[in-house]
Amino acid sequence: KQVQNIEHPSNDEVEYGGQPMSINASGMVLEREAENEVQPMIETDNVAHEREAETMIEGSSEAPKIKKHRGPTKKTDIHARTLEERTPIILNCYGQPIGPTPKDVKDLSRFLGTIARTTEFAPLNYVDWPSVPTHDQIWEYVLEKFMIPPEGRSWVLETVNLSWRGYKSKLKKMYLEAVEKGSNLDELYELVPEDELKDLISYWNTSPAKEQSKKNKRNREKLDDMHTMGPSSYAALRHKLKQKDPNKQEPSKAKVYRESRIRNPKKHIKQVMGTPKPI
């Protein structure tokens, strides 16, 4: 089409910057030089992308689909905080965070998840959490980003522990899938230092680890009624229900259980572990 427009330009002319211009049938503007010679047109980025997309569609039966993944939470803004920018955290009588806002509590929880994936704070080549020697370093680093009373130390370390175990479980699943497909472990080596990954693989292949994995899997399959609170905690839910109560009384366990299992009827929830119990 470009060649045809150049060879057979239309007679419509406009003034552009004091130079005579010719508009072809497709609406493109062609500049004439003094000797009436037309320079080759240069496609814009958008036009080039459109033509590339048309070529891909013509060469295949359907357009390629690229699945987007959110990826792990990094919380770089919190890691970059100074001592003056720290957020104060309010604890309940059990040393669990409940404020000052639900967003602050969620930010703290997700921030602790990033620590669990940092090998300097939570090395992965330890069998259990009590043997990890960096508990003090973790607590001190958290205090650099949040103002938390000393009573919150146990909750902070336990939250990192749960995230640490969950992260190891994810890595093991990736490892087993790579072994099943016969692919290399490059993706794992990007996440875990080589020495730690080798220690993990060596441990996963031991008989006690395999037996414990089978036992944990059987116990996990017994769970048939998961909560629907997302990243929110039971402590935050209890505090919310207490504030709604006219007498400001602590909610009962039954009420907390019911509220934590409320499902949106318009939202489809994939049930993995059996059928949910009626509430």
Protein backbone atom coordinates (compact mmCIF):
# COMPACT_ATOMS: atom_id res chain seq x y z
CA LYS A 1 0.00 0.00 0.00
CA GLN A 2 2.84 2.37 0.76
CA VAL A 3 4.40 1.77 -2.65
CA GLN A 4 1.06 2.38 -4.40
CA ASN A 5 0.50 5.61 -2.47
CA ILE A 6 3.97 6.83 -3.35
CA GLU A 7 3.59 5.99 -7.04
CA HIS A 8 0.05 7.38 -7.28
CA PRO A 9 -0.29 10.22 -4.79
CA SER A 10 -3.50 12.16 -4.57
CA ASN A 11 -3.80 15.78 -5.66
CA ASP A 12 -4.79 17.03 -2.21
CA GLU A 13 -2.13 19.36 -0.84
CA VAL A 14 -1.79 21.17 2.49
CA GLU A 15 0.73 23.54 3.97
CA TYR A 16 2.90 22.03 6.75
CA GLY A 17 5.64 24.21 8.18
CA GLY A 18 5.72 26.29 4.99
CA GLN A 19 6.38 23.21 2.81
CA PRO A 20 3.87 21.72 0.35
CA MET A 21 2.49 18.39 1.58
CA SER A 22 0.46 15.69 -0.21
CA ILE A 23 -2.16 13.54 1.56
CA ASN A 24 -2.62 10.06 0.10
CA ALA A 25 -5.77 7.95 0.14
CA SER A 26 -4.93 6.29 3.47
CA GLY A 27 -4.63 9.62 5.26
CA MET A 28 -0.81 9.65 5.52
CA VAL A 29 1.06 12.86 4.87
CA LEU A 30 3.82 12.73 2.29
CA GLU A 31 6.39 15.51 2.08
CA ARG A 32 7.43 16.80 -1.34
CA GLU A 33 10.85 18.16 -1.90
CA ALA A 34 11.65 20.90 -4.34
CA GLU A 35 12.21 18.42 -7.13
CA ASN A 36 8.88 16.67 -6.47
CA GLU A 37 10.70 13.54 -5.20
CA VAL A 38 8.94 11.79 -2.31
CA GLN A 39 11.06 10.46 0.56
CA PRO A 40 10.34 6.93 1.84
CA MET A 41 7.89 6.91 4.71
CA ILE A 42 8.95 5.76 8.14
CA GLU A 43 6.50 3.69 10.12
CA THR A 44 5.73 4.84 13.59
CA ASP A 45 6.15 2.43 16.47
CA ASN A 46 2.40 1.91 16.70
CA VAL A 47 2.08 1.05 13.01
CA ALA A 48 5.02 -1.33 13.23
CA HIS A 49 3.49 -3.08 16.20
CA GLU A 50 0.15 -3.36 14.45
CA ARG A 51 1.75 -4.91 11.36
CA GLU A 52 3.78 -7.29 13.49
CA ALA A 53 0.63 -8.38 15.29
CA GLU A 54 -1.14 -8.91 11.94
CA THR A 55 1.75 -11.05 10.73
CA MET A 56 1.59 -13.20 13.87
CA ILE A 57 -2.14 -13.69 13.49
CA GLU A 58 -1.83 -14.61 9.82
CA GLY A 59 0.93 -17.11 10.54
CA SER A 60 -0.98 -18.91 13.32
CA SER A 61 -4.52 -20.03 13.88
CA GLU A 62 -4.89 -17.86 16.98
CA ALA A 63 -3.06 -15.06 18.74
CA PRO A 64 -0.57 -16.11 21.41
CA LYS A 65 -1.81 -15.84 24.98
CA ILE A 66 0.56 -14.62 27.68
CA LYS A 67 -0.46 -15.37 31.24
CA LYS A 68 0.44 -12.65 33.69
CA HIS A 69 1.56 -13.48 37.22
CA ARG A 70 1.59 -11.07 40.11
CA GLY A 71 4.85 -12.43 41.48
CA PRO A 72 6.05 -12.37 45.08
CA THR A 73 5.43 -9.37 47.30
CA LYS A 74 8.59 -7.31 47.82
CA LYS A 75 7.46 -4.35 49.94
CA THR A 76 10.43 -2.27 48.84
CA ASP A 77 8.81 0.87 50.23
CA ILE A 78 8.84 -0.57 53.74
CA HIS A 79 12.39 -1.89 53.44
CA ALA A 80 13.44 1.65 52.46
CA ARG A 81 11.94 3.27 55.56
CA THR A 82 14.06 5.26 57.97
CA LEU A 83 13.68 5.26 61.75
CA GLU A 84 11.68 8.48 61.53
CA GLU A 85 9.24 6.92 59.05
CA ARG A 86 8.39 3.89 61.17
CA THR A 87 4.73 2.96 61.59
CA PRO A 88 3.50 2.36 65.17
CA ILE A 89 1.70 -0.94 65.73
CA ILE A 90 -1.03 -1.48 68.33
CA LEU A 91 -1.23 -4.91 69.98
CA ASN A 92 -4.10 -6.65 71.74
CA CYS A 93 -3.81 -8.40 75.09
CA TYR A 94 -2.31 -11.46 73.36
CA GLY A 95 0.54 -9.52 71.73
CA GLN A 96 -1.10 -9.65 68.27
CA PRO A 97 -1.29 -6.57 66.02
CA ILE A 98 -4.72 -5.01 65.58
CA GLY A 99 -3.97 -1.46 64.41
CA PRO A 100 -3.85 1.42 64.09
CA THR A 101 -5.46 0.54 60.73
CA PRO A 102 -6.14 -2.77 58.96
CA LYS A 103 -3.75 -1.66 56.20
CA ASP A 104 -0.90 -1.27 58.69
CA VAL A 105 -1.50 -4.78 60.01
CA LYS A 106 -1.55 -6.26 56.50
CA ASP A 107 1.60 -4.34 55.55
CA LEU A 108 3.39 -5.74 58.60
CA SER A 109 2.29 -9.29 57.81
CA ARG A 110 3.37 -9.06 54.16
CA PHE A 111 6.64 -7.42 55.17
CA LEU A 112 7.40 -10.36 57.44
CA GLY A 113 6.74 -12.65 54.48
CA THR A 114 9.51 -10.92 52.54
CA ILE A 115 11.89 -11.52 55.46
CA ALA A 116 11.06 -15.23 55.38
CA ARG A 117 12.22 -15.31 51.74
CA THR A 118 15.50 -13.53 52.52
CA THR A 119 18.24 -16.09 53.08
CA GLU A 120 20.32 -13.68 55.17
CA PHE A 121 17.54 -13.56 57.78
CA ALA A 122 15.93 -16.96 57.27
CA PRO A 123 18.38 -19.48 55.74
CA LEU A 124 16.56 -22.44 54.24
CA ASN A 125 19.03 -25.22 55.05
CA TYR A 126 17.71 -25.75 58.59
CA VAL A 127 15.29 -28.52 59.45
CA ASP A 128 13.11 -26.54 61.87
CA TRP A 129 12.59 -22.94 62.92
CA PRO A 130 13.99 -23.12 66.49
CA SER A 131 17.39 -24.12 65.10
CA VAL A 132 17.59 -20.98 62.88
CA PRO A 133 20.14 -18.70 64.61
CA THR A 134 18.89 -15.34 63.30
CA HIS A 135 15.84 -14.67 65.51
CA ASP A 136 17.46 -11.65 67.19
CA GLN A 137 18.55 -10.15 63.86
CA ILE A 138 15.02 -10.52 62.48
CA TRP A 139 13.45 -8.79 65.48
CA GLU A 140 15.96 -5.95 65.39
CA TYR A 141 15.41 -5.38 61.68
CA VAL A 142 11.62 -5.35 62.10
CA LEU A 143 11.99 -2.71 64.81
CA GLU A 144 13.84 -0.54 62.29
CA LYS A 145 10.71 -0.43 60.09
CA PHE A 146 7.85 -0.65 62.64
CA MET A 147 7.37 0.57 66.21
CA ILE A 148 6.25 -2.62 67.96
CA PRO A 149 6.09 -3.16 71.73
CA PRO A 150 8.29 -5.97 73.11
CA GLU A 151 5.19 -8.10 73.66
CA GLY A 152 4.89 -8.49 69.88
CA ARG A 153 8.21 -10.32 69.42
CA SER A 154 6.68 -13.81 69.73
CA TRP A 155 3.99 -13.03 67.14
CA VAL A 156 6.54 -11.55 64.73
CA LEU A 157 8.84 -14.58 64.88
CA GLU A 158 5.95 -17.02 64.62
CA THR A 159 4.62 -15.20 61.55
CA VAL A 160 8.04 -15.35 59.90
CA ASN A 161 8.17 -19.05 60.82
CA LEU A 162 4.87 -19.77 59.05
CA SER A 163 5.94 -17.86 55.96
CA TRP A 164 9.33 -19.60 56.02
CA ARG A 165 7.70 -23.04 56.08
CA GLY A 166 5.29 -22.04 53.33
CA TYR A 167 8.16 -20.80 51.18
CA LYS A 168 10.06 -24.07 51.61
CA SER A 169 6.91 -25.94 50.61
CA LYS A 170 6.64 -23.86 47.43
CA LEU A 171 10.28 -24.52 46.56
CA LYS A 172 9.80 -28.25 47.08
CA LYS A 173 6.82 -28.25 44.73
CA MET A 174 8.88 -26.44 42.09
CA TYR A 175 11.68 -28.98 42.56
CA LEU A 176 9.37 -32.00 42.21
CA GLU A 177 7.75 -30.50 39.09
CA ALA A 178 11.20 -29.92 37.55
CA VAL A 179 12.23 -33.50 38.30
CA GLU A 180 8.99 -34.85 36.83
CA LYS A 181 9.45 -32.85 33.62
CA GLY A 182 13.15 -33.65 33.41
CA SER A 183 14.03 -29.95 33.24
CA ASN A 184 16.93 -28.16 34.90
CA LEU A 185 16.82 -26.27 38.18
CA ASP A 186 17.81 -22.85 36.85
CA GLU A 187 14.65 -21.20 38.19
CA LEU A 188 15.32 -22.54 41.68
CA TYR A 189 18.94 -21.45 41.60
CA GLU A 190 17.72 -17.91 40.90
CA LEU A 191 15.74 -17.98 44.14
CA VAL A 192 17.98 -19.98 46.48
CA PRO A 193 21.76 -20.01 46.89
CA GLU A 194 23.32 -23.14 45.47
CA ASP A 195 24.61 -24.51 48.78
CA GLU A 196 21.23 -24.06 50.48
CA LEU A 197 19.35 -25.65 47.60
CA LYS A 198 21.65 -28.68 47.61
CA ASP A 199 21.08 -29.09 51.36
CA LEU A 200 17.31 -28.85 50.84
CA ILE A 201 17.28 -31.43 48.05
CA SER A 202 19.45 -33.77 50.10
CA TYR A 203 17.06 -33.48 53.03
CA TRP A 204 13.91 -33.88 50.92
CA ASN A 205 15.24 -37.19 49.59
CA THR A 206 15.82 -38.74 53.03
CA SER A 207 13.40 -41.38 54.34
CA PRO A 208 12.32 -39.41 57.47
CA ALA A 209 11.53 -36.35 55.36
CA LYS A 210 9.46 -38.40 52.91
CA GLU A 211 7.50 -40.04 55.74
CA GLN A 212 6.85 -36.68 57.39
CA SER A 213 5.72 -35.26 54.06
CA LYS A 214 3.18 -38.07 53.62
CA LYS A 215 1.87 -37.54 57.13
CA ASN A 216 1.52 -33.79 56.62
CA LYS A 217 -0.28 -34.36 53.33
CA ARG A 218 -2.81 -36.67 54.97
CA ASN A 219 -3.46 -34.15 57.73
CA ARG A 220 -3.83 -31.34 55.21
CA GLU A 221 -6.44 -33.27 53.26
CA LYS A 222 -8.63 -33.39 56.37
CA LEU A 223 -9.12 -29.63 56.25
CA ASP A 224 -12.41 -29.03 54.46
CA ASP A 225 -13.46 -25.58 55.65
CA MET A 226 -10.85 -22.90 55.06
CA HIS A 227 -11.38 -19.31 56.17
CA THR A 228 -12.08 -16.57 53.63
CA MET A 229 -10.28 -13.67 55.32
CA GLY A 230 -7.34 -13.54 52.95
CA PRO A 231 -4.29 -11.86 54.53
CA SER A 232 -6.31 -10.61 57.52
CA SER A 233 -5.71 -12.26 60.88
CA TYR A 234 -8.11 -13.64 63.48
CA ALA A 235 -6.86 -10.99 65.89
CA ALA A 236 -7.92 -8.24 63.48
CA LEU A 237 -11.30 -9.91 62.97
CA ARG A 238 -11.91 -10.23 66.72
CA HIS A 239 -11.00 -6.57 67.19
CA LYS A 240 -13.37 -5.57 64.38
CA LEU A 241 -16.26 -7.56 65.88
CA LYS A 242 -15.53 -6.13 69.33
CA GLN A 243 -15.73 -2.57 68.00
CA LYS A 244 -19.08 -3.34 66.37
CA ASP A 245 -20.53 -4.75 69.58
CA PRO A 246 -22.64 -2.17 71.52
CA ASN A 247 -21.08 -3.29 74.82
CA LYS A 248 -17.57 -3.65 73.37
CA GLN A 249 -17.39 -7.28 74.48
CA GLU A 250 -15.05 -9.90 73.08
CA PRO A 251 -16.79 -12.00 70.40
CA SER A 252 -17.33 -15.68 71.04
CA LYS A 253 -15.33 -18.33 69.19
CA ALA A 254 -18.49 -19.41 67.36
CA LYS A 255 -19.10 -15.89 66.07
CA VAL A 256 -15.50 -15.49 64.94
CA TYR A 257 -15.73 -18.83 63.17
CA ARG A 258 -18.91 -17.87 61.32
CA GLU A 259 -17.60 -14.46 60.31
CA SER A 260 -14.32 -15.92 59.03
CA ARG A 261 -16.19 -18.32 56.72
CA ILE A 262 -18.56 -15.87 55.04
CA ARG A 263 -18.35 -16.33 51.28
CA ASN A 264 -19.33 -14.01 48.48
CA PRO A 265 -22.13 -15.77 46.56
CA LYS A 266 -21.09 -13.99 43.35
CA LYS A 267 -17.49 -15.16 43.61
CA HIS A 268 -16.44 -18.65 42.64
CA ILE A 269 -14.12 -20.22 45.21
CA LYS A 270 -12.10 -23.20 44.12
CA GLN A 271 -12.48 -25.91 46.74
CA VAL A 272 -9.38 -28.07 46.90
CA MET A 273 -9.74 -29.94 50.16
CA GLY A 274 -13.22 -31.43 50.09
CA THR A 275 -16.62 -29.79 50.48
CA PRO A 276 -17.04 -26.79 52.79
CA LYS A 277 -19.09 -27.33 55.92
CA PRO A 278 -22.40 -25.50 56.29
CA ILE A 279 -22.28 -22.47 58.58
